[in-house]
C-alpha atoms as a PDB file:
ATOM      1  CA  MET A   1      80.331 -12.914 103.804  1.00  0.00           C
ATOM      2  CA  SER A   2      76.672 -13.780 103.303  1.00  0.00           C
ATOM      3  CA  SER A   3      75.352 -17.333 103.442  1.00  0.00           C
ATOM      4  CA  PHE A   4      74.162 -16.899  99.810  1.00  0.00           C
ATOM      5  CA  ALA A   5      77.735 -16.309  98.655  1.00  0.00           C
ATOM      6  CA  GLU A   6      78.860 -19.513 100.460  1.00  0.00           C
ATOM      7  CA  THR A   7      76.284 -21.665  98.626  1.00  0.00           C
ATOM      8  CA  PRO A   8      78.036 -23.844  95.988  1.00  0.00           C
ATOM      9  CA  ARG A   9      77.154 -22.885  92.449  1.00  0.00           C
ATOM     10  CA  LEU A  10      74.861 -25.413  90.757  1.00  0.00           C
ATOM     11  CA  THR A  11      76.728 -26.403  87.615  1.00  0.00           C
ATOM     12  CA  PRO A  12      75.693 -29.136  85.116  1.00  0.00           C
ATOM     13  CA  GLY A  13      78.418 -31.410  86.450  1.00  0.00           C
ATOM     14  CA  ARG A  14      77.333 -30.856  90.036  1.00  0.00           C
ATOM     15  CA  THR A  15      73.697 -31.499  89.043  1.00  0.00           C
ATOM     16  CA  VAL A  16      74.612 -34.818  87.422  1.00  0.00           C
ATOM     17  CA  LEU A  17      76.630 -35.745  90.494  1.00  0.00           C
ATOM     18  CA  MET A  18      73.692 -34.984  92.800  1.00  0.00           C
ATOM     19  CA  VAL A  19      71.333 -37.050  90.634  1.00  0.00           C
ATOM     20  CA  VAL A  20      73.746 -39.987  90.628  1.00  0.00           C
ATOM     21  CA  LEU A  21      74.200 -39.767  94.414  1.00  0.00           C
ATOM     22  CA  ALA A  22      70.431 -39.529  94.947  1.00  0.00           C
ATOM     23  CA  LEU A  23      69.888 -42.553  92.715  1.00  0.00           C
ATOM     24  CA  GLY A  24      72.588 -44.488  94.560  1.00  0.00           C
ATOM     25  CA  GLY A  25      71.047 -43.577  97.898  1.00  0.00           C
ATOM     26  CA  PHE A  26      67.626 -44.695  96.713  1.00  0.00           C
ATOM     27  CA  LEU A  27      68.995 -48.029  95.471  1.00  0.00           C
ATOM     28  CA  MET A  28      70.565 -48.643  98.879  1.00  0.00           C
ATOM     29  CA  VAL A  29      67.263 -47.940 100.630  1.00  0.00           C
ATOM     30  CA  VAL A  30      65.197 -50.191  98.317  1.00  0.00           C
ATOM     31  CA  PRO A  31      66.145 -53.506 100.049  1.00  0.00           C
ATOM     32  CA  PHE A  32      65.155 -52.040 103.414  1.00  0.00           C
ATOM     33  CA  LEU A  33      61.805 -50.824 102.025  1.00  0.00           C
ATOM     34  CA  TRP A  34      61.232 -54.241 100.460  1.00  0.00           C
ATOM     35  CA  MET A  35      61.901 -55.873 103.818  1.00  0.00           C
ATOM     36  CA  ILE A  36      59.375 -53.630 105.588  1.00  0.00           C
ATOM     37  CA  LEU A  37      56.689 -54.099 102.925  1.00  0.00           C
ATOM     38  CA  THR A  38      57.190 -57.873 102.811  1.00  0.00           C
ATOM     39  CA  SER A  39      56.810 -58.089 106.575  1.00  0.00           C
ATOM     40  CA  PHE A  40      53.177 -56.923 106.166  1.00  0.00           C
ATOM     41  CA  LYS A  41      52.224 -59.325 103.348  1.00  0.00           C
ATOM     42  CA  THR A  42      50.744 -62.797 103.299  1.00  0.00           C
ATOM     43  CA  LEU A  43      52.862 -65.681 102.042  1.00  0.00           C
ATOM     44  CA  ASN A  44      50.730 -65.906  98.873  1.00  0.00           C
ATOM     45  CA  GLU A  45      51.391 -62.234  98.127  1.00  0.00           C
ATOM     46  CA  VAL A  46      55.132 -62.771  98.547  1.00  0.00           C
ATOM     47  CA  ASN A  47      55.090 -65.749  96.155  1.00  0.00           C
ATOM     48  CA  GLY A  48      53.040 -63.730  93.659  1.00  0.00           C
ATOM     49  CA  PHE A  49      55.443 -60.772  93.736  1.00  0.00           C
ATOM     50  CA  ALA A  50      53.694 -57.532  94.588  1.00  0.00           C
ATOM     51  CA  TRP A  51      55.266 -54.332  95.882  1.00  0.00           C
ATOM     52  CA  LEU A  52      52.433 -53.320  98.199  1.00  0.00           C
ATOM     53  CA  PRO A  53      50.391 -55.646 100.437  1.00  0.00           C
ATOM     54  CA  ASN A  54      46.680 -55.853  99.691  1.00  0.00           C
ATOM     55  CA  GLN A  55      45.995 -55.809 103.416  1.00  0.00           C
ATOM     56  CA  VAL A  56      48.496 -54.937 106.124  1.00  0.00           C
ATOM     57  CA  GLU A  57      49.178 -58.099 108.143  1.00  0.00           C
ATOM     58  CA  TRP A  58      50.227 -56.688 111.527  1.00  0.00           C
ATOM     59  CA  MET A  59      49.900 -60.134 113.060  1.00  0.00           C
ATOM     60  CA  ASN A  60      52.985 -61.286 111.144  1.00  0.00           C
ATOM     61  CA  TYR A  61      55.085 -59.639 113.863  1.00  0.00           C
ATOM     62  CA  VAL A  62      53.104 -61.239 116.671  1.00  0.00           C
ATOM     63  CA  ASN A  63      53.105 -64.682 115.087  1.00  0.00           C
ATOM     64  CA  ALA A  64      56.806 -64.443 114.254  1.00  0.00           C
ATOM     65  CA  LEU A  65      57.635 -63.606 117.884  1.00  0.00           C
ATOM     66  CA  LYS A  66      55.659 -66.669 118.989  1.00  0.00           C
ATOM     67  CA  ALA A  67      57.366 -68.995 116.494  1.00  0.00           C
ATOM     68  CA  ALA A  68      60.659 -69.104 118.426  1.00  0.00           C
ATOM     69  CA  PRO A  69      62.051 -67.890 121.782  1.00  0.00           C
ATOM     70  CA  PHE A  70      63.041 -64.479 120.425  1.00  0.00           C
ATOM     71  CA  ALA A  71      63.044 -62.854 123.859  1.00  0.00           C
ATOM     72  CA  THR A  72      65.876 -65.222 124.769  1.00  0.00           C
ATOM     73  CA  TYR A  73      67.632 -64.578 121.463  1.00  0.00           C
ATOM     74  CA  PHE A  74      67.403 -60.791 121.956  1.00  0.00           C
ATOM     75  CA  ARG A  75      68.723 -61.122 125.509  1.00  0.00           C
ATOM     76  CA  ASN A  76      71.617 -63.283 124.349  1.00  0.00           C
ATOM     77  CA  SER A  77      72.583 -60.842 121.598  1.00  0.00           C
ATOM     78  CA  VAL A  78      72.560 -57.936 124.055  1.00  0.00           C
ATOM     79  CA  ILE A  79      74.786 -59.866 126.481  1.00  0.00           C
ATOM     80  CA  VAL A  80      77.243 -60.722 123.718  1.00  0.00           C
ATOM     81  CA  VAL A  81      77.293 -57.148 122.374  1.00  0.00           C
ATOM     82  CA  VAL A  82      77.901 -55.592 125.794  1.00  0.00           C
ATOM     83  CA  GLY A  83      80.365 -58.309 126.820  1.00  0.00           C
ATOM     84  CA  GLN A  84      82.460 -57.768 123.704  1.00  0.00           C
ATOM     85  CA  THR A  85      82.207 -54.005 123.221  1.00  0.00           C
ATOM     86  CA  ILE A  86      83.333 -52.827 126.666  1.00  0.00           C
ATOM     87  CA  PRO A  87      86.627 -54.805 126.612  1.00  0.00           C
ATOM     88  CA  VAL A  88      87.192 -53.879 122.967  1.00  0.00           C
ATOM     89  CA  LEU A  89      86.922 -50.176 123.800  1.00  0.00           C
ATOM     90  CA  LEU A  90      89.354 -50.586 126.691  1.00  0.00           C
ATOM     91  CA  PHE A  91      91.976 -52.875 125.156  1.00  0.00           C
ATOM     92  CA  CYS A  92      91.992 -51.675 121.542  1.00  0.00           C
ATOM     93  CA  THR A  93      92.066 -47.968 122.354  1.00  0.00           C
ATOM     94  CA  ALA A  94      94.795 -48.495 124.962  1.00  0.00           C
ATOM     95  CA  ALA A  95      96.844 -50.483 122.440  1.00  0.00           C
ATOM     96  CA  GLY A  96      96.207 -47.835 119.792  1.00  0.00           C
ATOM     97  CA  TYR A  97      97.360 -45.101 122.151  1.00  0.00           C
ATOM     98  CA  ALA A  98     100.523 -47.044 122.987  1.00  0.00           C
ATOM     99  CA  LEU A  99     101.349 -47.561 119.310  1.00  0.00           C
ATOM    100  CA  ALA A 100     100.712 -43.903 118.528  1.00  0.00           C
ATOM    101  CA  GLN A 101     102.171 -42.000 121.475  1.00  0.00           C
ATOM    102  CA  LEU A 102     104.563 -44.205 123.478  1.00  0.00           C
ATOM    103  CA  PRO A 103     108.224 -44.756 122.546  1.00  0.00           C
ATOM    104  CA  ILE A 104     107.916 -48.530 122.198  1.00  0.00           C
ATOM    105  CA  ARG A 105     110.846 -50.398 120.650  1.00  0.00           C
ATOM    106  CA  GLY A 106     109.751 -52.115 117.434  1.00  0.00           C
ATOM    107  CA  ARG A 107     106.568 -50.047 117.276  1.00  0.00           C
ATOM    108  CA  LYS A 108     106.562 -49.930 113.486  1.00  0.00           C
ATOM    109  CA  GLY A 109     106.975 -53.705 113.247  1.00  0.00           C
ATOM    110  CA  ILE A 110     104.079 -54.238 115.648  1.00  0.00           C
ATOM    111  CA  LEU A 111     101.915 -51.889 113.595  1.00  0.00           C
ATOM    112  CA  ASN A 112     102.801 -53.775 110.402  1.00  0.00           C
ATOM    113  CA  TYR A 113     101.835 -57.010 112.176  1.00  0.00           C
ATOM    114  CA  PHE A 114      98.420 -55.579 113.013  1.00  0.00           C
ATOM    115  CA  ILE A 115      97.993 -54.419 109.401  1.00  0.00           C
ATOM    116  CA  LEU A 116      98.916 -57.908 108.187  1.00  0.00           C
ATOM    117  CA  LEU A 117      96.248 -59.413 110.447  1.00  0.00           C
ATOM    118  CA  LEU A 118      93.628 -57.251 108.754  1.00  0.00           C
ATOM    119  CA  ILE A 119      93.822 -59.333 105.574  1.00  0.00           C
ATOM    120  CA  VAL A 120      93.166 -62.655 107.369  1.00  0.00           C
ATOM    121  CA  PRO A 121      89.472 -63.581 106.908  1.00  0.00           C
ATOM    122  CA  PHE A 122      87.593 -64.846 109.939  1.00  0.00           C
ATOM    123  CA  GLN A 123      86.589 -68.045 108.116  1.00  0.00           C
ATOM    124  CA  VAL A 124      90.249 -69.110 108.167  1.00  0.00           C
ATOM    125  CA  LEU A 125      90.349 -68.737 111.952  1.00  0.00           C
ATOM    126  CA  ILE A 126      87.211 -70.711 112.814  1.00  0.00           C
ATOM    127  CA  VAL A 127      88.799 -74.178 113.096  1.00  0.00           C
ATOM    128  CA  PRO A 128      91.918 -73.031 115.043  1.00  0.00           C
ATOM    129  CA  LEU A 129      89.731 -70.918 117.290  1.00  0.00           C
ATOM    130  CA  PHE A 130      87.404 -73.850 117.919  1.00  0.00           C
ATOM    131  CA  LEU A 131      90.354 -76.075 118.917  1.00  0.00           C
ATOM    132  CA  VAL A 132      91.736 -73.415 121.254  1.00  0.00           C
ATOM    133  CA  VAL A 133      88.368 -72.874 122.950  1.00  0.00           C
ATOM    134  CA  ARG A 134      87.818 -76.625 123.137  1.00  0.00           C
ATOM    135  CA  ARG A 135      91.145 -77.208 124.931  1.00  0.00           C
ATOM    136  CA  ILE A 136      91.063 -74.452 127.550  1.00  0.00           C
ATOM    137  CA  PRO A 137      92.729 -76.020 130.619  1.00  0.00           C
ATOM    138  CA  LEU A 138      90.622 -76.686 133.730  1.00  0.00           C
ATOM    139  CA  ALA A 139      87.372 -75.639 132.023  1.00  0.00           C
ATOM    140  CA  GLY A 140      84.412 -77.745 130.945  1.00  0.00           C
ATOM    141  CA  GLY A 141      85.881 -80.908 132.457  1.00  0.00           C
ATOM    142  CA  ASN A 142      89.338 -80.445 130.897  1.00  0.00           C
ATOM    143  CA  ASP A 143      92.485 -81.368 132.799  1.00  0.00           C
ATOM    144  CA  ILE A 144      95.519 -79.088 133.129  1.00  0.00           C
ATOM    145  CA  LEU A 145      96.557 -80.052 129.579  1.00  0.00           C
ATOM    146  CA  GLY A 146      93.135 -79.289 128.097  1.00  0.00           C
ATOM    147  CA  ASN A 147      92.048 -82.886 127.556  1.00  0.00           C
ATOM    148  CA  GLY A 148      88.945 -84.796 128.559  1.00  0.00           C
ATOM    149  CA  GLY A 149      86.231 -82.145 128.413  1.00  0.00           C
ATOM    150  CA  THR A 150      84.629 -79.466 126.269  1.00  0.00           C
ATOM    151  CA  GLY A 151      86.567 -76.426 127.497  1.00  0.00           C
ATOM    152  CA  TRP A 152      84.664 -73.201 126.891  1.00  0.00           C
ATOM    153  CA  LEU A 153      82.367 -74.680 124.270  1.00  0.00           C
ATOM    154  CA  ASN A 154      78.714 -73.892 124.897  1.00  0.00           C
ATOM    155  CA  THR A 155      79.529 -71.120 127.399  1.00  0.00           C
ATOM    156  CA  TRP A 156      79.342 -67.310 127.417  1.00  0.00           C
ATOM    157  CA  ALA A 157      83.137 -67.228 127.508  1.00  0.00           C
ATOM    158  CA  ALA A 158      83.292 -68.848 124.061  1.00  0.00           C
ATOM    159  CA  LEU A 159      81.044 -66.130 122.644  1.00  0.00           C
ATOM    160  CA  ILE A 160      82.785 -63.184 124.302  1.00  0.00           C
ATOM    161  CA  VAL A 161      86.442 -63.776 125.218  1.00  0.00           C
ATOM    162  CA  PRO A 162      87.834 -64.514 121.700  1.00  0.00           C
ATOM    163  CA  PHE A 163      86.470 -61.155 120.487  1.00  0.00           C
ATOM    164  CA  VAL A 164      87.529 -58.748 123.250  1.00  0.00           C
ATOM    165  CA  SER A 165      90.194 -57.292 120.948  1.00  0.00           C
ATOM    166  CA  ALA A 166      90.637 -56.942 117.204  1.00  0.00           C
ATOM    167  CA  PRO A 167      93.467 -55.677 114.968  1.00  0.00           C
ATOM    168  CA  LEU A 168      91.093 -53.473 112.960  1.00  0.00           C
ATOM    169  CA  PHE A 169      89.936 -51.560 116.024  1.00  0.00           C
ATOM    170  CA  THR A 170      93.493 -51.211 117.340  1.00  0.00           C
ATOM    171  CA  PHE A 171      94.549 -49.837 113.965  1.00  0.00           C
ATOM    172  CA  LEU A 172      91.654 -47.346 113.885  1.00  0.00           C
ATOM    173  CA  ALA A 173      92.434 -46.191 117.425  1.00  0.00           C
ATOM    174  CA  ARG A 174      96.116 -45.802 116.584  1.00  0.00           C
ATOM    175  CA  GLN A 175      95.301 -43.729 113.506  1.00  0.00           C
ATOM    176  CA  PHE A 176      93.154 -41.393 115.593  1.00  0.00           C
ATOM    177  CA  PHE A 177      95.665 -40.982 118.430  1.00  0.00           C
ATOM    178  CA  VAL A 178      98.387 -40.170 115.895  1.00  0.00           C
ATOM    179  CA  SER A 179      96.332 -37.122 114.888  1.00  0.00           C
ATOM    180  CA  LEU A 180      96.421 -35.772 118.466  1.00  0.00           C
ATOM    181  CA  PRO A 181      99.363 -33.504 119.400  1.00  0.00           C
ATOM    182  CA  ALA A 182     102.064 -35.358 121.326  1.00  0.00           C
ATOM    183  CA  GLU A 183     102.764 -32.145 123.284  1.00  0.00           C
ATOM    184  CA  LEU A 184      99.659 -32.819 125.396  1.00  0.00           C
ATOM    185  CA  ALA A 185     101.088 -36.091 126.675  1.00  0.00           C
ATOM    186  CA  ASP A 186     104.570 -34.579 127.099  1.00  0.00           C
ATOM    187  CA  ALA A 187     103.200 -31.716 129.209  1.00  0.00           C
ATOM    188  CA  ALA A 188     101.281 -34.167 131.397  1.00  0.00           C
ATOM    189  CA  ARG A 189     104.417 -36.284 131.905  1.00  0.00           C
ATOM    190  CA  VAL A 190     106.311 -33.181 133.004  1.00  0.00           C
ATOM    191  CA  ASP A 191     103.549 -32.583 135.581  1.00  0.00           C
ATOM    192  CA  GLY A 192     104.014 -36.115 136.892  1.00  0.00           C
ATOM    193  CA  VAL A 193     100.899 -37.740 135.436  1.00  0.00           C
ATOM    194  CA  SER A 194     101.255 -41.475 134.841  1.00  0.00           C
ATOM    195  CA  GLU A 195     100.703 -43.004 131.408  1.00  0.00           C
ATOM    196  CA  ILE A 196      97.415 -44.518 132.588  1.00  0.00           C
ATOM    197  CA  GLY A 197      96.344 -41.093 133.837  1.00  0.00           C
ATOM    198  CA  ILE A 198      97.341 -39.476 130.536  1.00  0.00           C
ATOM    199  CA  PHE A 199      95.288 -42.017 128.622  1.00  0.00           C
ATOM    200  CA  PHE A 200      92.130 -41.831 130.724  1.00  0.00           C
ATOM    201  CA  ARG A 201      92.200 -38.138 131.765  1.00  0.00           C
ATOM    202  CA  ILE A 202      93.611 -36.442 128.657  1.00  0.00           C
ATOM    203  CA  MET A 203      93.633 -38.606 125.544  1.00  0.00           C
ATOM    204  CA  ALA A 204      90.437 -40.637 125.970  1.00  0.00           C
ATOM    205  CA  PRO A 205      88.140 -37.581 126.273  1.00  0.00           C
ATOM    206  CA  LEU A 206      89.646 -36.170 123.078  1.00  0.00           C
ATOM    207  CA  ALA A 207      89.155 -39.490 121.300  1.00  0.00           C
ATOM    208  CA  ALA A 208      85.376 -39.690 121.649  1.00  0.00           C
ATOM    209  CA  PRO A 209      84.830 -40.009 117.846  1.00  0.00           C
ATOM    210  CA  ALA A 210      87.256 -42.943 117.744  1.00  0.00           C
ATOM    211  CA  PHE A 211      85.516 -44.621 120.689  1.00  0.00           C
ATOM    212  CA  VAL A 212      82.095 -44.209 119.062  1.00  0.00           C
ATOM    213  CA  THR A 213      83.349 -45.442 115.690  1.00  0.00           C
ATOM    214  CA  ILE A 214      84.927 -48.553 117.200  1.00  0.00           C
ATOM    215  CA  ALA A 215      81.848 -49.193 119.324  1.00  0.00           C
ATOM    216  CA  LEU A 216      79.528 -48.940 116.313  1.00  0.00           C
ATOM    217  CA  PHE A 217      81.655 -51.315 114.254  1.00  0.00           C
ATOM    218  CA  ASN A 218      81.912 -53.842 117.072  1.00  0.00           C
ATOM    219  CA  VAL A 219      78.230 -53.658 118.010  1.00  0.00           C
ATOM    220  CA  GLU A 220      77.258 -54.254 114.390  1.00  0.00           C
ATOM    221  CA  SER A 221      79.645 -57.204 114.132  1.00  0.00           C
ATOM    222  CA  ALA A 222      78.547 -58.788 117.411  1.00  0.00           C
ATOM    223  CA  TRP A 223      74.848 -58.185 116.768  1.00  0.00           C
ATOM    224  CA  ASN A 224      75.017 -59.895 113.356  1.00  0.00           C
ATOM    225  CA  GLY A 225      77.236 -62.775 114.483  1.00  0.00           C
ATOM    226  CA  PHE A 226      76.002 -66.155 113.250  1.00  0.00           C
ATOM    227  CA  ILE A 227      78.764 -68.553 112.181  1.00  0.00           C
ATOM    228  CA  TRP A 228      80.786 -68.583 115.397  1.00  0.00           C
ATOM    229  CA  PRO A 229      77.746 -68.917 117.748  1.00  0.00           C
ATOM    230  CA  LEU A 230      76.561 -71.777 115.536  1.00  0.00           C
ATOM    231  CA  VAL A 231      79.944 -73.514 115.887  1.00  0.00           C
ATOM    232  CA  ALA A 232      80.643 -72.794 119.549  1.00  0.00           C
ATOM    233  CA  THR A 233      77.205 -73.336 121.107  1.00  0.00           C
ATOM    234  CA  SER A 234      74.456 -75.942 121.030  1.00  0.00           C
ATOM    235  CA  SER A 235      72.124 -74.584 123.723  1.00  0.00           C
ATOM    236  CA  GLU A 236      69.127 -72.417 122.869  1.00  0.00           C
ATOM    237  CA  ASN A 237      69.885 -70.400 126.013  1.00  0.00           C
ATOM    238  CA  LEU A 238      73.103 -69.137 124.379  1.00  0.00           C
ATOM    239  CA  ARG A 239      72.056 -68.739 120.746  1.00  0.00           C
ATOM    240  CA  PRO A 240      71.868 -65.093 119.473  1.00  0.00           C
ATOM    241  CA  LEU A 241      69.188 -63.339 117.459  1.00  0.00           C
ATOM    242  CA  GLN A 242      70.615 -64.172 114.027  1.00  0.00           C
ATOM    243  CA  PHE A 243      70.264 -67.855 114.805  1.00  0.00           C
ATOM    244  CA  GLY A 244      66.595 -67.256 115.597  1.00  0.00           C
ATOM    245  CA  LEU A 245      66.067 -65.673 112.174  1.00  0.00           C
ATOM    246  CA  ALA A 246      67.363 -68.842 110.553  1.00  0.00           C
ATOM    247  CA  THR A 247      64.446 -70.813 111.999  1.00  0.00           C
ATOM    248  CA  PHE A 248      62.197 -69.243 109.326  1.00  0.00           C
ATOM    249  CA  ALA A 249      64.457 -70.389 106.483  1.00  0.00           C
ATOM    250  CA  GLN A 250      64.868 -74.050 107.392  1.00  0.00           C
ATOM    251  CA  GLY A 251      63.728 -76.477 104.725  1.00  0.00           C
ATOM    252  CA  GLN A 252      64.102 -76.025 100.989  1.00  0.00           C
ATOM    253  CA  GLY A 253      61.224 -74.114  99.414  1.00  0.00           C
ATOM    254  CA  SER A 254      59.490 -73.427 102.726  1.00  0.00           C
ATOM    255  CA  VAL A 255      60.922 -70.066 103.734  1.00  0.00           C
ATOM    256  CA  GLN A 256      58.423 -68.067 105.786  1.00  0.00           C
ATOM    257  CA  TRP A 257      59.258 -64.746 104.147  1.00  0.00           C
ATOM    258  CA  PRO A 258      56.710 -62.536 105.993  1.00  0.00           C
ATOM    259  CA  PHE A 259      57.879 -63.810 109.396  1.00  0.00           C
ATOM    260  CA  LEU A 260      61.542 -63.643 108.380  1.00  0.00           C
ATOM    261  CA  MET A 261      61.202 -60.065 107.129  1.00  0.00           C
ATOM    262  CA  ALA A 262      59.218 -59.043 110.224  1.00  0.00           C
ATOM    263  CA  MET A 263      61.900 -60.265 112.626  1.00  0.00           C
ATOM    264  CA  SER A 264      64.663 -58.943 110.366  1.00  0.00           C
ATOM    265  CA  ALA A 265      63.050 -55.496 110.565  1.00  0.00           C
ATOM    266  CA  LEU A 266      62.993 -55.688 114.366  1.00  0.00           C
ATOM    267  CA  ALA A 267      66.591 -56.933 114.428  1.00  0.00           C
ATOM    268  CA  THR A 268      67.712 -54.081 112.162  1.00  0.00           C
ATOM    269  CA  LEU A 269      65.979 -51.356 114.164  1.00  0.00           C
ATOM    270  CA  PRO A 270      68.562 -51.150 117.024  1.00  0.00           C
ATOM    271  CA  MET A 271      71.414 -50.793 114.516  1.00  0.00           C
ATOM    272  CA  ILE A 272      69.604 -47.994 112.679  1.00  0.00           C
ATOM    273  CA  LEU A 273      68.890 -46.099 115.897  1.00  0.00           C
ATOM    274  CA  LEU A 274      72.469 -46.589 117.058  1.00  0.00           C
ATOM    275  CA  PHE A 275      73.861 -45.150 113.841  1.00  0.00           C
ATOM    276  CA  ILE A 276      71.422 -42.223 113.852  1.00  0.00           C
ATOM    277  CA  PHE A 277      72.454 -41.164 117.360  1.00  0.00           C
ATOM    278  CA  GLY A 278      76.170 -41.791 116.771  1.00  0.00           C
ATOM    279  CA  GLN A 279      76.574 -40.708 113.147  1.00  0.00           C
ATOM    280  CA  ARG A 280      78.161 -37.355 113.988  1.00  0.00           C
ATOM    281  CA  TYR A 281      80.950 -39.001 115.969  1.00  0.00           C
ATOM    282  CA  PHE A 282      81.130 -41.873 113.486  1.00  0.00           C
ATOM    283  CA  ILE A 283      81.766 -39.548 110.531  1.00  0.00           C
ATOM    284  CA  ALA A 284      84.330 -37.561 112.519  1.00  0.00           C
ATOM    285  CA  GLY A 285      86.080 -40.759 113.581  1.00  0.00           C
ATOM    286  CA  MET A 286      86.270 -42.122 110.046  1.00  0.00           C
ATOM    287  CA  ALA A 287      87.429 -38.757 108.697  1.00  0.00           C
ATOM    288  CA  THR A 288      90.346 -38.558 111.135  1.00  0.00           C
ATOM    289  CA  SER A 289      91.412 -42.215 110.831  1.00  0.00           C
ATOM    290  CA  GLY A 290      93.763 -43.329 108.125  1.00  0.00           C
ATOM    291  CA  ILE A 291      95.066 -39.885 107.187  1.00  0.00           C
ATOM    292  CA  LYS A 292      98.455 -40.300 108.871  1.00  0.00           C
ATOM    293  CA  GLY A 293     101.023 -43.058 108.619  1.00  0.00           C
END
């Protein structure tokens, strides 16, 4: 069959659909374009509302980088992203594999518990999480009962350890492993391979789209984290990049929009590159998750 015969016929309905999708795509790109254009304007041009800058202000990026210790903020965000993502990939995918392929008693109840956790917003967990981190025994001057000190507050552990697993990522991993044939694991068990060996040597290589999807979601979440670092830390040496962006918006009516947009563009760039390089696996992972119960 020729490639011409495989081309979908352009009907009026399909044409309208393509126009609507193109318009929707353009509307989603507009805020990003506005951010880039604003980063090259003067503050007077931003207050006067103009789409294009009269003169490209490249120095906005240089001056914005000098306004706060952004090298430290970038470093801190990278540490948090790496520190969270590696354990998440290990723990959540292993838990997802166990829920999907192992004969665990009460497996359905455990899965329902994970699904129930998905509807709990993070804002509800902030105060309990703060109290738990604050009362970690034998840390930050605490005694064995967690009294007398600050626990993990203002430490890397407070930024990383509470987020090394997540019900959403376990659920996504489980949905992907369910789509893999159980006969692969059964054949490996007959050959004497341990469950850890089956996971790492057989299942994990087949689950690359799920790994990439979970990694992308977690990197995006960790990179954009603001509320919890603001609550759990007070040292500039631990604050992430999003906290640095807030320095340009402090004070009512005195937002430094060109600097804020310049640093926002730089902060967005790693996420865009990450999605571009991982989009093929990301789409495959999302397409194969959630199609089986």
